[in-house]
Amino acid sequence: MYSMTQLVRRAAQTNGNAIATLDGERSQTWKEFAVRVAAFGGGLQKLGIANGDCAAILALNSDRYFEFMFAVPWAGGVFQPVNTRLAGPEVTYWLTDSEAKVVFVDASFVPLIEKIRGDLPHVEHFVFIDDGDVPAGYRSYTDLVSADPMPDAGREGDDVAGLFYTGGTTGRSKGVMLSHANLVVNALQAFSVFDMSPTDKVLHVAPMFHIADAFVCLMTAATAGSNFFQPAFDPVSTMKGVQEYSIDRMLLVPTMINMFVNHPEVENFDLKSLSQILYGASPMPEPVIKKAMEILPHTQFYQAYGQTEAAPCITLLDAGRHTFEGPLAGKMKSAGQAIAGVELAVLDEKGAPVETGVVGEVCMKGPNVMLGYRNMEEQTNNTIVDGWLHTGDGGYLDEDGFLFIVDRVKDMIVSGGENVYSAEVENAIYQHDAVAQCAVIGIPSEKWGEQVHVIVVPKEGMDVSEDDLIAHCKTLIAGFKCPRSVSYQSAPLPLSGAGKILKTELRKPFWKDGERNVN
């Protein structure tokens, strides 16, 4: 059966003396990594983690984050990455809903945890994962991983391995339950396309809380390649890392690629080792990919399309199709073709397939489809219908099976690679006393792909400035979800016959010059 922990044992067996992780001065081989994960599992067991219990992590990228991902399943638990960009109330909701018993925190997030610590009834232990003095009330990571090694708990197949929270169209985050089989199979489905090997050096700069980087972690473990870590993406630090360690591969979102290839220092670094960049999480503007291919002519580019509920990869646009000339040209605006083992379809509102070239909802079947949403049976049943995972994205298939995304069925904005759900932002805005009506939409942004924009109808005799409204939102939701621009109108917002705000009409002035309604 498929198991995350089996990947660790195999890597130690087949490439045991190769570097598994390198983070600053810390380095370990795959053999050492396997021993450490077993000891880490023993430490977790002493903290009360048993089969199915959740352990969460709120931290920047590191080798210890990578260890956490495999040690928690080794102990029989479920690992839960927490978005580092959330506000305190959002972190509280995630950790309460998951009933996480142990939370791992680095120095960057100790202040946030201290503010909400009293609101986390299920958390029994906090573990400080950085070096240096351990804050009061925290356990030492070093002590934890010094426990006696334990045998693998043997979780596999349909046992839950990871719990990844995503925004919800109702404003409530949903806990996506991904099994060992979901995660491992999806890695195996995709890594052969990338021609990955045990000699690969992979640099992790995209946030490790995101399912996309977890996907890369699993592919690297499956091939027993080497993982290098930086706390977060910074263009110059990333360039230095590629040069210093002769990095082969990276995952970046389009916003990061844009910052990377347009940075004034990009010509000052030797980046020839960089053979491949995988990108996804948001649409890629054509000028950005053209610039990237010009600046990095030796690098192959791959686009992945998917979502957390698919663990996450559904389609891939391979390197050969990243061309504007010759017989393979013409697919650059697509999201590629279904990966092996995925059945892809575009369905109408009744669940019937539409004709080639006709827009409908993108749906898929495969072994990578989630088990469901935690504690949300109704939402699960609405998302997985007759075995089909409904993505909420609108698109069409061409005659060659390439998927073209044209709009979103669900009211979601993708800004800088992060999903923002308008209802959640609207809920925060409506808590301002001066707001009578509001609608949150995505509008084009050269930097972010899309940016969050709100149209506000103030209450009669009242007003609220753009700065005040944004500041108000920042007290309730993560900064990346907050509006970046505000417009006002005195007339009520347009409504449909069912009384819903017609956001399609509100978007039109902003998107009238575009080819599609996502950027």
Protein backbone atom coordinates (compact mmCIF):
# COMPACT_ATOMS: atom_id res chain seq x y z
CA MET A 1 0.00 0.00 0.00
CA TYR A 2 1.08 3.60 -0.55
CA SER A 3 2.69 5.27 2.46
CA MET A 4 4.61 8.51 2.99
CA THR A 5 6.92 6.82 5.46
CA GLN A 6 7.77 4.05 2.99
CA LEU A 7 9.31 6.76 0.80
CA VAL A 8 11.74 7.56 3.63
CA ARG A 9 12.74 3.93 4.11
CA ARG A 10 13.27 3.45 0.38
CA ALA A 11 15.33 6.64 0.07
CA ALA A 12 17.59 5.47 2.92
CA GLN A 13 17.93 2.08 1.26
CA THR A 14 18.59 3.23 -2.31
CA ASN A 15 20.47 6.52 -1.86
CA GLY A 16 21.36 6.48 1.81
CA ASN A 17 24.66 8.35 1.65
CA ALA A 18 23.33 11.21 -0.45
CA ILE A 19 22.23 14.52 1.09
CA ALA A 20 18.59 14.43 2.14
CA THR A 21 18.42 17.95 3.60
CA LEU A 22 20.69 20.95 3.83
CA ASP A 23 19.71 24.08 5.70
CA GLY A 24 22.49 26.54 6.51
CA GLU A 25 25.06 24.64 8.56
CA ARG A 26 22.76 21.65 9.10
CA SER A 27 23.03 18.71 6.74
CA GLN A 28 22.01 15.06 6.87
CA THR A 29 22.01 12.03 4.58
CA TRP A 30 18.94 9.94 3.81
CA LYS A 31 20.17 7.25 6.23
CA GLU A 32 20.51 9.87 8.96
CA PHE A 33 17.16 11.36 8.03
CA ALA A 34 15.40 8.00 8.43
CA VAL A 35 16.90 7.53 11.90
CA ARG A 36 15.93 11.07 12.89
CA VAL A 37 12.35 10.64 11.67
CA ALA A 38 12.01 7.46 13.75
CA ALA A 39 13.33 9.29 16.83
CA PHE A 40 11.10 12.29 16.10
CA GLY A 41 8.17 9.87 15.89
CA GLY A 42 9.13 8.48 19.29
CA GLY A 43 9.13 11.99 20.72
CA LEU A 44 5.70 12.69 19.26
CA GLN A 45 4.38 9.46 20.72
CA LYS A 46 5.58 10.59 24.17
CA LEU A 47 3.61 13.81 23.68
CA GLY A 48 0.47 11.76 23.14
CA ILE A 49 0.27 11.66 19.35
CA ALA A 50 -1.46 8.42 18.39
CA ASN A 51 -3.17 7.15 15.26
CA GLY A 52 -5.23 9.91 13.67
CA ASP A 53 -4.17 12.68 16.07
CA CYS A 54 -3.23 16.00 14.50
CA ALA A 55 0.05 17.88 14.92
CA ALA A 56 0.34 21.34 13.36
CA ILE A 57 3.22 23.58 12.34
CA LEU A 58 3.38 27.37 12.01
CA ALA A 59 6.83 28.20 10.73
CA LEU A 60 8.94 29.41 7.83
CA ASN A 61 10.66 26.93 5.50
CA SER A 62 13.36 24.74 7.01
CA ASP A 63 14.78 21.24 7.09
CA ARG A 64 12.85 20.75 10.31
CA TYR A 65 9.59 21.47 8.50
CA PHE A 66 10.55 18.65 6.11
CA GLU A 67 11.26 16.34 9.06
CA PHE A 68 7.90 17.23 10.60
CA MET A 69 6.04 16.23 7.43
CA PHE A 70 7.33 12.67 7.62
CA ALA A 71 7.73 12.19 11.38
CA VAL A 72 4.09 12.91 12.20
CA PRO A 73 2.81 10.13 9.90
CA TRP A 74 5.60 7.87 11.23
CA ALA A 75 4.10 8.35 14.70
CA GLY A 76 0.64 7.58 13.30
CA GLY A 77 -0.55 11.18 13.26
CA VAL A 78 -1.86 13.67 10.74
CA PHE A 79 0.33 16.65 9.85
CA GLN A 80 -1.25 20.08 9.47
CA PRO A 81 0.64 22.96 7.86
CA VAL A 82 -0.64 26.39 8.90
CA ASN A 83 -0.53 29.33 6.52
CA THR A 84 2.06 31.79 7.84
CA ARG A 85 0.08 34.73 6.49
CA LEU A 86 -3.03 34.22 8.60
CA ALA A 87 -4.29 36.54 11.29
CA GLY A 88 -4.70 35.32 14.85
CA PRO A 89 -8.45 34.54 14.68
CA GLU A 90 -7.88 32.46 11.53
CA VAL A 91 -5.07 30.43 13.13
CA THR A 92 -7.35 29.88 16.13
CA TYR A 93 -10.09 28.52 13.90
CA TRP A 94 -7.76 26.17 12.01
CA LEU A 95 -6.19 24.72 15.16
CA THR A 96 -9.53 24.38 16.92
CA ASP A 97 -11.25 22.72 13.98
CA SER A 98 -8.38 20.25 13.49
CA GLU A 99 -8.17 19.57 17.24
CA ALA A 100 -4.38 19.71 16.92
CA LYS A 101 -2.74 18.33 20.08
CA VAL A 102 0.78 19.58 19.36
CA VAL A 103 1.86 22.78 17.59
CA PHE A 104 5.38 23.40 16.29
CA VAL A 105 6.37 27.07 16.15
CA ASP A 106 9.49 28.95 15.09
CA ALA A 107 10.69 32.27 16.47
CA SER A 108 8.82 34.29 13.84
CA PHE A 109 5.43 33.16 15.14
CA VAL A 110 5.87 32.84 18.89
CA PRO A 111 4.38 36.36 19.38
CA LEU A 112 1.26 35.45 17.39
CA ILE A 113 0.79 32.18 19.27
CA GLU A 114 1.17 33.95 22.61
CA LYS A 115 -1.76 36.21 21.70
CA ILE A 116 -4.10 33.30 20.98
CA ARG A 117 -2.70 30.61 23.25
CA GLY A 118 -5.61 30.85 25.65
CA ASP A 119 -8.07 30.23 22.82
CA LEU A 120 -6.65 26.84 21.80
CA PRO A 121 -8.42 24.28 23.99
CA HIS A 122 -7.12 21.17 22.21
CA VAL A 123 -3.42 22.04 22.10
CA GLU A 124 -1.52 20.19 24.83
CA HIS A 125 2.06 21.01 23.83
CA PHE A 126 3.91 23.77 21.99
CA VAL A 127 7.31 22.91 20.53
CA PHE A 128 9.91 25.55 19.65
CA ILE A 129 11.72 24.39 16.53
CA ASP A 130 14.49 26.97 16.29
CA ASP A 131 17.90 26.83 17.93
CA GLY A 132 18.67 29.05 20.91
CA ASP A 133 16.78 29.72 24.10
CA VAL A 134 13.43 27.96 24.33
CA PRO A 135 10.62 30.34 25.31
CA ALA A 136 8.74 29.68 28.54
CA GLY A 137 5.90 27.24 28.03
CA TYR A 138 7.50 25.56 25.02
CA ARG A 139 9.24 22.24 24.63
CA SER A 140 12.63 21.92 22.95
CA TYR A 141 12.70 20.50 19.45
CA THR A 142 16.18 19.11 20.06
CA ASP A 143 14.97 17.20 23.10
CA LEU A 144 11.97 15.89 21.19
CA VAL A 145 14.02 14.42 18.34
CA SER A 146 16.44 12.85 20.83
CA ALA A 147 13.82 10.33 21.94
CA ASP A 148 14.21 6.59 21.41
CA PRO A 149 13.34 5.66 17.81
CA MET A 150 9.96 4.00 17.35
CA PRO A 151 8.83 1.54 14.69
CA ASP A 152 6.76 3.02 11.87
CA ALA A 153 3.11 3.17 12.99
CA GLY A 154 2.19 1.61 9.67
CA ARG A 155 -0.34 4.16 8.43
CA GLU A 156 -0.99 3.77 4.70
CA GLY A 157 -3.51 3.79 1.89
CA ASP A 158 -6.72 5.58 2.84
CA ASP A 159 -5.47 6.59 6.29
CA VAL A 160 -5.39 10.39 6.60
CA ALA A 161 -1.84 11.71 6.29
CA GLY A 162 -2.20 15.48 5.88
CA LEU A 163 -4.81 18.10 6.68
CA PHE A 164 -4.56 21.15 4.42
CA TYR A 165 -6.96 24.01 5.06
CA THR A 166 -8.24 26.06 2.18
CA GLY A 167 -10.58 29.03 1.97
CA GLY A 168 -14.28 28.41 1.51
CA THR A 169 -16.79 30.16 -0.72
CA THR A 170 -18.91 30.73 2.39
CA GLY A 171 -15.96 32.35 4.12
CA ARG A 172 -15.28 29.34 6.32
CA SER A 173 -12.01 27.49 5.81
CA LYS A 174 -12.28 23.83 4.88
CA GLY A 175 -9.92 21.13 6.10
CA VAL A 176 -8.96 18.99 3.10
CA MET A 177 -8.22 15.45 4.29
CA LEU A 178 -5.54 13.88 2.10
CA SER A 179 -4.63 10.24 2.53
CA HIS A 180 -1.26 8.55 2.22
CA ALA A 181 -2.43 7.19 -1.13
CA ASN A 182 -3.63 10.62 -2.32
CA LEU A 183 -0.28 12.27 -1.64
CA VAL A 184 2.08 9.49 -2.70
CA VAL A 185 0.17 8.52 -5.84
CA ASN A 186 0.01 12.12 -7.03
CA ALA A 187 3.77 12.47 -6.60
CA LEU A 188 4.29 9.25 -8.56
CA GLN A 189 1.80 10.36 -11.21
CA ALA A 190 3.81 13.48 -11.93
CA PHE A 191 7.50 13.01 -11.18
CA SER A 192 8.19 10.82 -14.21
CA VAL A 193 7.05 13.69 -16.44
CA PHE A 194 9.78 15.84 -14.89
CA ASP A 195 12.44 13.16 -15.42
CA MET A 196 13.50 13.47 -11.78
CA SER A 197 16.47 11.50 -10.47
CA PRO A 198 18.39 10.79 -7.22
CA THR A 199 21.02 13.35 -8.22
CA ASP A 200 18.55 16.24 -8.23
CA LYS A 201 19.11 19.24 -6.00
CA VAL A 202 15.82 20.97 -5.20
CA LEU A 203 15.62 24.41 -3.60
CA HIS A 204 12.54 25.10 -1.46
CA VAL A 205 11.71 28.81 -1.45
CA ALA A 206 7.96 28.62 -2.08
CA PRO A 207 6.08 28.39 1.24
CA MET A 208 6.10 24.89 2.66
CA PHE A 209 2.64 25.33 4.17
CA HIS A 210 1.26 25.25 0.63
CA ILE A 211 0.20 21.95 -0.93
CA ALA A 212 2.31 22.76 -4.01
CA ASP A 213 5.59 22.59 -2.10
CA ALA A 214 4.41 19.52 -0.19
CA PHE A 215 3.93 17.95 -3.62
CA VAL A 216 7.55 18.77 -4.50
CA CYS A 217 8.75 17.42 -1.14
CA LEU A 218 7.05 14.11 -1.87
CA MET A 219 8.45 13.90 -5.40
CA THR A 220 11.96 14.53 -4.09
CA ALA A 221 11.50 11.90 -1.39
CA ALA A 222 10.19 9.45 -3.98
CA THR A 223 13.36 9.89 -6.04
CA ALA A 224 15.67 10.22 -2.99
CA GLY A 225 16.95 13.56 -4.25
CA SER A 226 18.45 16.37 -2.15
CA ASN A 227 16.46 19.18 -0.53
CA PHE A 228 17.87 22.66 0.17
CA PHE A 229 15.91 25.21 2.18
CA GLN A 230 15.57 28.98 2.50
CA PRO A 231 13.10 30.53 4.99
CA ALA A 232 11.13 32.30 2.29
CA PHE A 233 11.40 33.59 -1.25
CA ASP A 234 13.69 36.52 -1.88
CA PRO A 235 14.99 37.06 -5.45
CA VAL A 236 18.64 37.67 -4.56
CA SER A 237 18.81 34.98 -1.87
CA THR A 238 17.27 32.53 -4.31
CA MET A 239 19.84 33.41 -6.98
CA LYS A 240 22.64 32.99 -4.44
CA GLY A 241 21.25 29.61 -3.43
CA VAL A 242 21.04 28.39 -7.00
CA GLN A 243 24.63 29.46 -7.65
CA GLU A 244 26.12 28.22 -4.37
CA TYR A 245 24.54 24.77 -4.38
CA SER A 246 24.21 24.22 -8.15
CA ILE A 247 20.46 23.82 -7.76
CA ASP A 248 18.69 21.85 -10.50
CA ARG A 249 15.03 22.46 -9.75
CA MET A 250 12.65 24.89 -8.05
CA LEU A 251 8.97 25.47 -7.62
CA LEU A 252 7.89 29.10 -8.01
CA VAL A 253 4.57 30.84 -8.45
CA PRO A 254 4.31 33.28 -11.37
CA THR A 255 4.68 36.31 -9.08
CA MET A 256 8.01 34.94 -7.85
CA ILE A 257 9.20 34.22 -11.40
CA ASN A 258 8.30 37.78 -12.36
CA MET A 259 10.35 39.19 -9.45
CA PHE A 260 13.21 36.77 -10.17
CA VAL A 261 13.73 37.34 -13.90
CA ASN A 262 13.12 41.10 -13.77
CA HIS A 263 15.49 41.71 -10.87
CA PRO A 264 18.42 44.00 -11.80
CA GLU A 265 20.94 41.52 -10.33
CA VAL A 266 19.78 38.46 -12.25
CA GLU A 267 22.65 38.80 -14.73
CA ASN A 268 25.21 38.79 -11.91
CA PHE A 269 24.68 35.15 -10.92
CA ASP A 270 25.58 31.86 -12.55
CA LEU A 271 22.21 30.14 -12.91
CA LYS A 272 23.16 27.58 -15.56
CA SER A 273 22.63 24.64 -13.20
CA LEU A 274 18.91 25.47 -13.01
CA SER A 275 17.52 22.90 -15.42
CA GLN A 276 13.84 23.11 -14.47
CA ILE A 277 11.26 25.44 -12.94
CA LEU A 278 7.81 24.16 -12.06
CA TYR A 279 5.20 26.85 -11.70
CA GLY A 280 1.53 27.00 -10.86
CA ALA A 281 -0.92 28.26 -8.20
CA SER A 282 -2.01 31.16 -10.42
CA PRO A 283 -2.15 31.98 -14.15
CA MET A 284 1.12 32.93 -15.84
CA PRO A 285 1.09 36.23 -17.76
CA GLU A 286 2.56 35.69 -21.22
CA PRO A 287 5.11 38.57 -20.96
CA VAL A 288 6.50 37.01 -17.77
CA ILE A 289 7.07 33.54 -19.22
CA LYS A 290 8.61 35.05 -22.36
CA LYS A 291 11.01 37.07 -20.21
CA ALA A 292 11.82 34.01 -18.10
CA MET A 293 12.59 31.90 -21.17
CA GLU A 294 14.83 34.69 -22.44
CA ILE A 295 16.74 35.19 -19.17
CA LEU A 296 17.00 31.43 -18.44
CA PRO A 297 17.41 29.82 -21.89
CA HIS A 298 18.92 26.68 -20.36
CA THR A 299 15.91 26.12 -18.05
CA GLN A 300 12.89 24.02 -18.87
CA PHE A 301 9.52 25.31 -17.65
CA TYR A 302 6.57 23.18 -16.59
CA GLN A 303 3.14 24.44 -15.59
CA ALA A 304 1.00 22.47 -13.13
CA TYR A 305 -2.72 23.01 -12.66
CA GLY A 306 -4.61 21.59 -9.74
CA GLN A 307 -6.04 22.27 -6.33
CA THR A 308 -5.61 21.12 -2.76
CA GLU A 309 -8.52 18.70 -3.09
CA ALA A 310 -6.57 16.85 -5.83
CA ALA A 311 -3.38 16.50 -3.75
CA PRO A 312 -2.82 18.77 -5.85
CA CYS A 313 -1.84 18.08 -9.48
CA ILE A 314 -4.45 17.50 -12.22
CA THR A 315 -2.78 18.62 -15.45
CA LEU A 316 0.72 19.49 -16.64
CA LEU A 317 1.98 21.58 -19.53
CA ASP A 318 5.37 20.08 -20.29
CA ALA A 319 8.56 21.83 -21.33
CA GLY A 320 8.17 20.93 -24.99
CA ARG A 321 4.96 22.93 -25.20
CA HIS A 322 6.61 26.03 -23.74
CA THR A 323 7.32 27.42 -27.18
CA PHE A 324 5.86 30.05 -29.46
CA GLU A 325 7.26 28.58 -32.67
CA GLY A 326 7.22 25.29 -34.55
CA PRO A 327 4.82 22.33 -34.57
CA LEU A 328 4.47 22.20 -30.76
CA ALA A 329 3.45 25.85 -30.45
CA GLY A 330 -0.07 27.04 -29.69
CA LYS A 331 -0.66 25.54 -26.26
CA MET A 332 1.05 28.11 -24.05
CA LYS A 333 -2.25 29.57 -22.88
CA SER A 334 -3.46 26.16 -21.77
CA ALA A 335 -2.94 24.40 -18.43
CA GLY A 336 -1.70 21.29 -20.21
CA GLN A 337 -3.08 17.77 -20.34
CA ALA A 338 -4.29 15.39 -17.65
CA ILE A 339 -1.51 13.56 -15.86
CA ALA A 340 -1.45 9.75 -15.92
CA GLY A 341 -4.25 8.26 -13.84
CA VAL A 342 -6.46 11.35 -14.00
CA GLU A 343 -9.69 11.32 -15.97
CA LEU A 344 -10.51 14.88 -16.95
CA ALA A 345 -13.86 16.17 -18.14
CA VAL A 346 -15.69 19.44 -18.63
CA LEU A 347 -19.28 19.10 -17.43
CA ASP A 348 -22.41 21.23 -17.69
CA GLU A 349 -24.71 22.14 -14.81
CA LYS A 350 -26.45 18.76 -15.06
CA GLY A 351 -23.18 16.83 -14.88
CA ALA A 352 -23.10 15.91 -18.56
CA PRO A 353 -19.93 16.32 -20.70
CA VAL A 354 -19.90 19.31 -23.03
CA GLU A 355 -18.55 19.33 -26.57
CA THR A 356 -14.91 20.08 -27.38
CA GLY A 357 -14.28 23.81 -27.14
CA VAL A 358 -17.39 24.48 -25.03
CA VAL A 359 -16.92 26.03 -21.60
CA GLY A 360 -18.16 24.17 -18.54
CA GLU A 361 -16.92 23.20 -15.09
CA VAL A 362 -13.58 21.40 -14.93
CA CYS A 363 -14.01 18.04 -13.17
CA MET A 364 -11.73 15.06 -12.59
CA LYS A 365 -11.55 11.54 -11.22
CA GLY A 366 -8.47 9.77 -9.93
CA PRO A 367 -6.68 8.23 -6.96
CA ASN A 368 -5.52 11.70 -5.91
CA VAL A 369 -9.03 12.95 -5.06
CA MET A 370 -9.29 13.90 -1.38
CA LEU A 371 -11.09 11.81 1.21
CA GLY A 372 -13.28 14.83 1.93
CA TYR A 373 -13.53 17.98 4.03
CA ARG A 374 -13.09 17.51 7.77
CA ASN A 375 -16.41 17.83 9.62
CA MET A 376 -18.14 19.04 6.44
CA GLU A 377 -20.17 16.21 4.96
CA GLU A 378 -22.52 18.45 2.98
CA GLN A 379 -19.67 20.42 1.38
CA THR A 380 -17.87 17.17 0.59
CA ASN A 381 -20.96 15.77 -1.12
CA ASN A 382 -21.38 18.98 -3.11
CA THR A 383 -17.76 18.84 -4.27
CA ILE A 384 -17.43 15.12 -5.06
CA VAL A 385 -20.47 14.06 -7.10
CA ASP A 386 -20.70 10.57 -8.60
CA GLY A 387 -16.96 10.24 -8.13
CA TRP A 388 -16.20 13.50 -9.97
CA LEU A 389 -14.26 16.19 -8.13
CA HIS A 390 -15.81 19.52 -9.12
CA THR A 391 -12.99 22.06 -9.18
CA GLY A 392 -15.13 25.17 -9.37
CA ASP A 393 -13.07 26.35 -12.36
CA GLY A 394 -14.61 27.07 -15.75
CA GLY A 395 -12.72 25.89 -18.81
CA TYR A 396 -12.76 23.90 -22.02
CA LEU A 397 -10.81 21.08 -23.66
CA ASP A 398 -9.45 21.38 -27.17
CA GLU A 399 -9.24 18.57 -29.71
CA ASP A 400 -5.88 17.45 -28.28
CA GLY A 401 -7.09 17.24 -24.68
CA PHE A 402 -5.40 20.44 -23.56
CA LEU A 403 -7.28 22.26 -20.83
CA PHE A 404 -7.89 25.99 -21.11
CA ILE A 405 -9.05 27.80 -17.95
CA VAL A 406 -11.26 30.79 -18.78
CA ASP A 407 -13.01 31.78 -15.57
CA ARG A 408 -13.93 30.60 -12.10
CA VAL A 409 -17.23 29.07 -11.24
CA LYS A 410 -16.56 29.63 -7.58
CA ASP A 411 -16.08 33.22 -6.54
CA MET A 412 -12.34 33.02 -5.95
CA ILE A 413 -9.48 35.42 -6.59
CA VAL A 414 -5.93 34.19 -7.12
CA SER A 415 -3.53 36.91 -6.03
CA GLY A 416 0.20 36.20 -6.00
CA GLY A 417 -0.45 32.46 -5.95
CA GLU A 418 -2.77 32.62 -2.91
CA ASN A 419 -6.49 31.82 -3.06
CA VAL A 420 -8.72 34.59 -1.74
CA TYR A 421 -12.44 33.92 -1.36
CA SER A 422 -14.57 37.01 -1.73
CA ALA A 423 -17.20 36.01 0.82
CA GLU A 424 -14.55 35.87 3.56
CA VAL A 425 -13.31 39.37 2.69
CA GLU A 426 -16.86 40.68 2.41
CA ASN A 427 -17.65 39.27 5.84
CA ALA A 428 -14.80 41.36 7.28
CA ILE A 429 -15.83 44.51 5.39
CA TYR A 430 -19.44 44.23 6.48
CA GLN A 431 -18.28 44.44 10.08
CA HIS A 432 -17.40 48.11 9.48
CA ASP A 433 -20.20 50.36 10.72
CA ALA A 434 -20.14 52.61 7.64
CA VAL A 435 -20.67 49.85 5.04
CA ALA A 436 -24.17 49.25 3.70
CA GLN A 437 -23.26 47.02 0.76
CA CYS A 438 -20.06 45.64 -0.69
CA ALA A 439 -18.81 43.28 -3.36
CA VAL A 440 -15.29 41.89 -3.57
CA ILE A 441 -13.92 41.03 -7.00
CA GLY A 442 -10.58 40.30 -8.62
CA ILE A 443 -9.19 42.92 -10.98
CA PRO A 444 -6.05 42.76 -13.18
CA SER A 445 -2.69 43.41 -11.54
CA GLU A 446 0.67 43.37 -13.30
CA LYS A 447 2.41 42.40 -10.07
CA TRP A 448 -0.03 39.94 -8.49
CA GLY A 449 -1.93 38.56 -11.50
CA GLU A 450 -5.12 39.62 -9.78
CA GLN A 451 -5.66 41.93 -6.85
CA VAL A 452 -8.49 42.10 -4.36
CA HIS A 453 -10.78 45.04 -5.09
CA VAL A 454 -13.89 46.02 -3.18
CA ILE A 455 -16.82 48.10 -4.35
CA VAL A 456 -18.54 49.77 -1.40
CA VAL A 457 -21.91 51.42 -0.96
CA PRO A 458 -21.63 53.46 2.27
CA LYS A 459 -24.52 53.90 4.67
CA GLU A 460 -26.43 57.12 4.20
CA GLY A 461 -24.65 60.04 5.82
CA MET A 462 -21.50 58.01 6.52
CA ASP A 463 -18.22 57.46 4.73
CA VAL A 464 -15.05 55.43 5.15
CA SER A 465 -11.70 56.06 3.52
CA GLU A 466 -9.78 53.41 1.60
CA ASP A 467 -6.98 53.40 4.19
CA ASP A 468 -9.40 53.01 7.09
CA LEU A 469 -11.28 50.16 5.41
CA ILE A 470 -8.08 48.25 4.61
CA ALA A 471 -6.79 48.79 8.15
CA HIS A 472 -10.11 47.50 9.51
CA CYS A 473 -9.80 44.33 7.40
CA LYS A 474 -6.26 43.68 8.60
CA THR A 475 -7.54 43.27 12.15
CA LEU A 476 -9.79 40.40 11.06
CA ILE A 477 -8.17 38.55 8.17
CA ALA A 478 -4.71 37.89 6.71
CA GLY A 479 -3.05 40.79 4.95
CA PHE A 480 -2.95 39.05 1.56
CA LYS A 481 -6.75 38.73 1.65
CA CYS A 482 -7.34 42.41 2.35
CA PRO A 483 -8.42 44.77 -0.44
CA ARG A 484 -5.63 46.54 -2.28
CA SER A 485 -8.04 49.04 -3.80
CA VAL A 486 -11.52 50.40 -3.07
CA SER A 487 -14.13 52.11 -5.19
CA TYR A 488 -17.38 53.68 -4.05
CA GLN A 489 -20.86 54.14 -5.43
CA SER A 490 -24.04 55.60 -4.00
CA ALA A 491 -26.52 53.46 -5.94
CA PRO A 492 -27.27 49.93 -4.72
CA LEU A 493 -25.24 47.14 -6.31
CA PRO A 494 -26.91 45.31 -9.22
CA LEU A 495 -28.83 42.20 -8.22
CA SER A 496 -29.99 39.10 -10.06
CA GLY A 497 -33.56 37.85 -9.99
CA ALA A 498 -32.56 35.64 -7.08
CA GLY A 499 -31.26 38.64 -5.17
CA LYS A 500 -27.57 37.88 -5.64
CA ILE A 501 -25.11 40.64 -6.46
CA LEU A 502 -24.19 40.47 -10.16
CA LYS A 503 -20.42 40.39 -9.84
CA THR A 504 -20.06 39.54 -13.52
CA GLU A 505 -21.44 43.01 -14.28
CA LEU A 506 -19.14 44.63 -11.71
CA ARG A 507 -16.09 42.92 -13.21
CA LYS A 508 -16.74 43.94 -16.81
CA PRO A 509 -15.23 47.45 -16.71
CA PHE A 510 -11.98 46.05 -15.29
CA TRP A 511 -11.67 43.06 -17.64
CA LYS A 512 -13.08 44.53 -20.88
CA ASP A 513 -9.64 44.58 -22.58
CA GLY A 514 -8.66 41.03 -21.56
CA GLU A 515 -9.10 37.71 -23.34
CA ARG A 516 -10.45 35.97 -20.25
CA ASN A 517 -11.74 36.81 -16.81
CA VAL A 518 -8.64 35.68 -14.95
CA ASN A 519 -5.24 37.28 -15.42
